[in-house]
Structure formats: C-alpha cells, structure tokens
C-alpha cells in the first residue's frame, strides 16, 4: 500500500510540474488541458498548487 501511495504522489507532482511548464511556455489553459487530457479548470488547479 505504501508503494501505491508513493506512486500517486509522484504522478501528482509530475502533473503539477507539467501543467506549470506548459503554461510558462505560453500554452493557454485550454491547450494545456488538451495536451494533459484534463479540463482547463484542472490545469488551473494544478498550476496553482
């Protein structure tokens, strides 16, 4: 169970980093959402966390 928790934390960290990076290089929230396969609102949440 601990390994699963660690993997989930790693995936979450990578998702946040990817969202921030895509926004930093100039993608809109909608474009970043398309790349990541999530909603634009989720991109906003990830980029702010």
PDB file of N, CA and C in Angstrom:
ATOM      1  N   UNK A   1       0.809  -1.182   0.000  1.00  0.00           N
ATOM      2  CA  UNK A   1       0.000   0.000   0.000  1.00  0.00           C
ATOM      3  C   UNK A   1       0.862   1.261   0.000  1.00  0.00           C
ATOM      4  N   UNK A   2       1.967   1.243   0.711  1.00  0.00           N
ATOM      5  CA  UNK A   2       2.846   2.401   0.762  1.00  0.00           C
ATOM      6  C   UNK A   2       3.422   2.703  -0.613  1.00  0.00           C
ATOM      7  N   UNK A   3       3.716   1.676  -1.385  1.00  0.00           N
ATOM      8  CA  UNK A   3       4.265   1.881  -2.729  1.00  0.00           C
ATOM      9  C   UNK A   3       3.244   2.573  -3.618  1.00  0.00           C
ATOM     10  N   UNK A   4       1.989   2.210  -3.489  1.00  0.00           N
ATOM     11  CA  UNK A   4       0.924   2.842  -4.270  1.00  0.00           C
ATOM     12  C   UNK A   4       0.780   4.311  -3.896  1.00  0.00           C
ATOM     13  N   UNK A   5       0.820   4.602  -2.612  1.00  0.00           N
ATOM     14  CA  UNK A   5       0.745   5.989  -2.153  1.00  0.00           C
ATOM     15  C   UNK A   5       1.888   6.810  -2.724  1.00  0.00           C
ATOM     16  N   UNK A   6       3.072   6.232  -2.714  1.00  0.00           N
ATOM     17  CA  UNK A   6       4.241   6.934  -3.246  1.00  0.00           C
ATOM     18  C   UNK A   6       4.085   7.194  -4.743  1.00  0.00           C
ATOM     19  N   UNK A   7       3.597   6.201  -5.470  1.00  0.00           N
ATOM     20  CA  UNK A   7       3.380   6.366  -6.910  1.00  0.00           C
ATOM     21  C   UNK A   7       2.354   7.460  -7.186  1.00  0.00           C
ATOM     22  N   UNK A   8       1.286   7.509  -6.400  1.00  0.00           N
ATOM     23  CA  UNK A   8       0.266   8.541  -6.578  1.00  0.00           C
ATOM     24  C   UNK A   8       0.840   9.928  -6.318  1.00  0.00           C
ATOM     25  N   UNK A   9       1.674  10.052  -5.297  1.00  0.00           N
ATOM     26  CA  UNK A   9       2.322  11.338  -5.016  1.00  0.00           C
ATOM     27  C   UNK A   9       3.249  11.739  -6.162  1.00  0.00           C
ATOM     28  N   UNK A  10       3.969  10.769  -6.713  1.00  0.00           N
ATOM     29  CA  UNK A  10       4.872  11.058  -7.830  1.00  0.00           C
ATOM     30  C   UNK A  10       4.103  11.508  -9.060  1.00  0.00           C
ATOM     31  N   UNK A  11       3.014  10.824  -9.366  1.00  0.00           N
ATOM     32  CA  UNK A  11       2.194  11.203 -10.527  1.00  0.00           C
ATOM     33  C   UNK A  11       1.617  12.599 -10.326  1.00  0.00           C
ATOM     34  N   UNK A  12       1.148  12.893  -9.136  1.00  0.00           N
ATOM     35  CA  UNK A  12       0.590  14.217  -8.849  1.00  0.00           C
ATOM     36  C   UNK A  12       1.653  15.298  -9.019  1.00  0.00           C
ATOM     37  N   UNK A  13       2.850  15.042  -8.548  1.00  0.00           N
ATOM     38  CA  UNK A  13       3.935  16.024  -8.673  1.00  0.00           C
ATOM     39  C   UNK A  13       4.295  16.266 -10.134  1.00  0.00           C
ATOM     40  N   UNK A  14       4.363  15.210 -10.906  1.00  0.00           N
ATOM     41  CA  UNK A  14       4.681  15.340 -12.336  1.00  0.00           C
ATOM     42  C   UNK A  14       3.569  16.099 -13.052  1.00  0.00           C
ATOM     43  N   UNK A  15       2.326  15.823 -12.696  1.00  0.00           N
ATOM     44  CA  UNK A  15       1.189  16.529 -13.307  1.00  0.00           C
ATOM     45  C   UNK A  15       1.255  18.019 -13.011  1.00  0.00           C
ATOM     46  N   UNK A  16       1.544  18.370 -11.771  1.00  0.00           N
ATOM     47  CA  UNK A  16       1.664  19.798 -11.410  1.00  0.00           C
ATOM     48  C   UNK A  16       2.792  20.451 -12.186  1.00  0.00           C
ATOM     49  N   UNK A  17       3.912  19.776 -12.264  1.00  0.00           N
ATOM     50  CA  UNK A  17       5.070  20.318 -12.967  1.00  0.00           C
ATOM     51  C   UNK A  17       4.763  20.492 -14.449  1.00  0.00           C
ATOM     52  N   UNK A  18       4.107  19.524 -15.051  1.00  0.00           N
ATOM     53  CA  UNK A  18       3.768  19.602 -16.472  1.00  0.00           C
ATOM     54  C   UNK A  18       2.803  20.751 -16.733  1.00  0.00           C
ATOM     55  N   UNK A  19       1.799  20.903 -15.889  1.00  0.00           N
ATOM     56  CA  UNK A  19       0.827  21.985 -16.070  1.00  0.00           C
ATOM     57  C   UNK A  19       1.520  23.341 -15.976  1.00  0.00           C
ATOM     58  N   UNK A  20       2.382  23.495 -14.984  1.00  0.00           N
ATOM     59  CA  UNK A  20       3.109  24.765 -14.835  1.00  0.00           C
ATOM     60  C   UNK A  20       3.998  25.039 -16.045  1.00  0.00           C
ATOM     61  N   UNK A  21       4.710  24.025 -16.485  1.00  0.00           N
ATOM     62  CA  UNK A  21       5.625  24.194 -17.612  1.00  0.00           C
ATOM     63  C   UNK A  21       4.873  24.584 -18.882  1.00  0.00           C
ATOM     64  N   UNK A  22       3.787  23.896 -19.170  1.00  0.00           N
ATOM     65  CA  UNK A  22       3.012  24.211 -20.373  1.00  0.00           C
ATOM     66  C   UNK A  22       2.491  25.642 -20.337  1.00  0.00           C
ATOM     67  N   UNK A  23       2.041  26.085 -19.169  1.00  0.00           N
ATOM     68  CA  UNK A  23       1.559  27.473 -19.051  1.00  0.00           C
ATOM     69  C   UNK A  23       2.728  28.453 -19.192  1.00  0.00           C
ATOM     70  N   UNK A  24       3.881  28.117 -18.612  1.00  0.00           N
ATOM     71  CA  UNK A  24       5.052  29.003 -18.681  1.00  0.00           C
ATOM     72  C   UNK A  24       5.547  29.185 -20.110  1.00  0.00           C
ATOM     73  N   UNK A  25       5.422  28.155 -20.935  1.00  0.00           N
ATOM     74  CA  UNK A  25       5.909  28.286 -22.315  1.00  0.00           C
ATOM     75  C   UNK A  25       4.867  28.908 -23.237  1.00  0.00           C
ATOM     76  N   UNK A  26       3.728  29.307 -22.657  1.00  0.00           N
ATOM     77  CA  UNK A  26       2.780  30.093 -23.419  1.00  0.00           C
ATOM     78  C   UNK A  26       1.510  29.400 -23.876  1.00  0.00           C
ATOM     79  N   UNK A  27       1.326  28.145 -23.516  1.00  0.00           N
ATOM     80  CA  UNK A  27       0.080  27.491 -23.899  1.00  0.00           C
ATOM     81  C   UNK A  27      -1.068  28.064 -23.080  1.00  0.00           C
ATOM     82  N   UNK A  28      -2.225  28.161 -23.710  1.00  0.00           N
ATOM     83  CA  UNK A  28      -3.413  28.568 -22.971  1.00  0.00           C
ATOM     84  C   UNK A  28      -3.833  27.425 -22.061  1.00  0.00           C
ATOM     85  N   UNK A  29      -4.724  27.725 -21.136  1.00  0.00           N
ATOM     86  CA  UNK A  29      -5.241  26.677 -20.273  1.00  0.00           C
ATOM     87  C   UNK A  29      -5.936  25.582 -21.063  1.00  0.00           C
ATOM     88  N   UNK A  30      -6.660  25.982 -22.099  1.00  0.00           N
ATOM     89  CA  UNK A  30      -7.371  25.009 -22.939  1.00  0.00           C
ATOM     90  C   UNK A  30      -6.376  24.133 -23.690  1.00  0.00           C
ATOM     91  N   UNK A  31      -5.330  24.740 -24.241  1.00  0.00           N
ATOM     92  CA  UNK A  31      -4.325  23.958 -24.972  1.00  0.00           C
ATOM     93  C   UNK A  31      -3.570  23.013 -24.037  1.00  0.00           C
ATOM     94  N   UNK A  32      -3.197  23.497 -22.866  1.00  0.00           N
ATOM     95  CA  UNK A  32      -2.509  22.651 -21.894  1.00  0.00           C
ATOM     96  C   UNK A  32      -3.420  21.502 -21.461  1.00  0.00           C
ATOM     97  N   UNK A  33      -4.700  21.789 -21.326  1.00  0.00           N
ATOM     98  CA  UNK A  33      -5.660  20.750 -20.947  1.00  0.00           C
ATOM     99  C   UNK A  33      -5.725  19.660 -22.006  1.00  0.00           C
ATOM    100  N   UNK A  34      -5.690  20.056 -23.255  1.00  0.00           N
ATOM    101  CA  UNK A  34      -5.725  19.081 -24.342  1.00  0.00           C
ATOM    102  C   UNK A  34      -4.495  18.185 -24.292  1.00  0.00           C
ATOM    103  N   UNK A  35      -3.340  18.781 -24.077  1.00  0.00           N
ATOM    104  CA  UNK A  35      -2.098  18.009 -24.005  1.00  0.00           C
ATOM    105  C   UNK A  35      -2.136  17.028 -22.837  1.00  0.00           C
ATOM    106  N   UNK A  36      -2.629  17.488 -21.697  1.00  0.00           N
ATOM    107  CA  UNK A  36      -2.621  16.661 -20.489  1.00  0.00           C
ATOM    108  C   UNK A  36      -3.827  15.734 -20.380  1.00  0.00           C
ATOM    109  N   UNK A  37      -4.840  15.976 -21.187  1.00  0.00           N
ATOM    110  CA  UNK A  37      -6.031  15.131 -21.122  1.00  0.00           C
ATOM    111  C   UNK A  37      -6.909  15.413 -19.917  1.00  0.00           C
ATOM    112  N   UNK A  38      -6.909  16.661 -19.480  1.00  0.00           N
ATOM    113  CA  UNK A  38      -7.744  17.078 -18.345  1.00  0.00           C
ATOM    114  C   UNK A  38      -8.507  18.338 -18.746  1.00  0.00           C
ATOM    115  N   UNK A  39      -9.323  18.857 -17.848  1.00  0.00           N
ATOM    116  CA  UNK A  39     -10.060  20.083 -18.139  1.00  0.00           C
ATOM    117  C   UNK A  39      -9.163  21.306 -17.936  1.00  0.00           C
ATOM    118  N   UNK A  40      -9.566  22.415 -18.539  1.00  0.00           N
ATOM    119  CA  UNK A  40      -8.826  23.666 -18.352  1.00  0.00           C
ATOM    120  C   UNK A  40      -8.854  24.079 -16.887  1.00  0.00           C
ATOM    121  N   UNK A  41      -9.952  23.813 -16.212  1.00  0.00           N
ATOM    122  CA  UNK A  41     -10.051  24.126 -14.786  1.00  0.00           C
ATOM    123  C   UNK A  41      -9.029  23.319 -13.989  1.00  0.00           C
ATOM    124  N   UNK A  42      -8.836  22.062 -14.376  1.00  0.00           N
ATOM    125  CA  UNK A  42      -7.860  21.222 -13.673  1.00  0.00           C
ATOM    126  C   UNK A  42      -6.446  21.735 -13.907  1.00  0.00           C
ATOM    127  N   UNK A  43      -6.168  22.195 -15.117  1.00  0.00           N
ATOM    128  CA  UNK A  43      -4.853  22.781 -15.396  1.00  0.00           C
ATOM    129  C   UNK A  43      -4.615  23.963 -14.481  1.00  0.00           C
ATOM    130  N   UNK A  44      -5.629  24.802 -14.320  1.00  0.00           N
ATOM    131  CA  UNK A  44      -5.505  25.957 -13.428  1.00  0.00           C
ATOM    132  C   UNK A  44      -5.211  25.513 -12.008  1.00  0.00           C
ATOM    133  N   UNK A  45      -5.932  24.501 -11.532  1.00  0.00           N
ATOM    134  CA  UNK A  45      -5.705  23.989 -10.177  1.00  0.00           C
ATOM    135  C   UNK A  45      -4.288  23.431 -10.031  1.00  0.00           C
ATOM    136  N   UNK A  46      -3.855  22.666 -11.014  1.00  0.00           N
ATOM    137  CA  UNK A  46      -2.522  22.057 -10.936  1.00  0.00           C
ATOM    138  C   UNK A  46      -1.438  23.130 -10.965  1.00  0.00           C
ATOM    139  N   UNK A  47      -1.607  24.119 -11.814  1.00  0.00           N
ATOM    140  CA  UNK A  47      -0.581  25.157 -11.952  1.00  0.00           C
ATOM    141  C   UNK A  47      -0.463  26.010 -10.687  1.00  0.00           C
ATOM    142  N   UNK A  48      -1.547  26.131  -9.949  1.00  0.00           N
ATOM    143  CA  UNK A  48      -1.536  26.950  -8.734  1.00  0.00           C
ATOM    144  C   UNK A  48      -1.064  26.181  -7.506  1.00  0.00           C
ATOM    145  N   UNK A  49      -1.034  24.855  -7.600  1.00  0.00           N
ATOM    146  CA  UNK A  49      -0.659  24.069  -6.402  1.00  0.00           C
ATOM    147  C   UNK A  49       0.805  23.717  -6.396  1.00  0.00           C
TER     148      UNK A  49
END
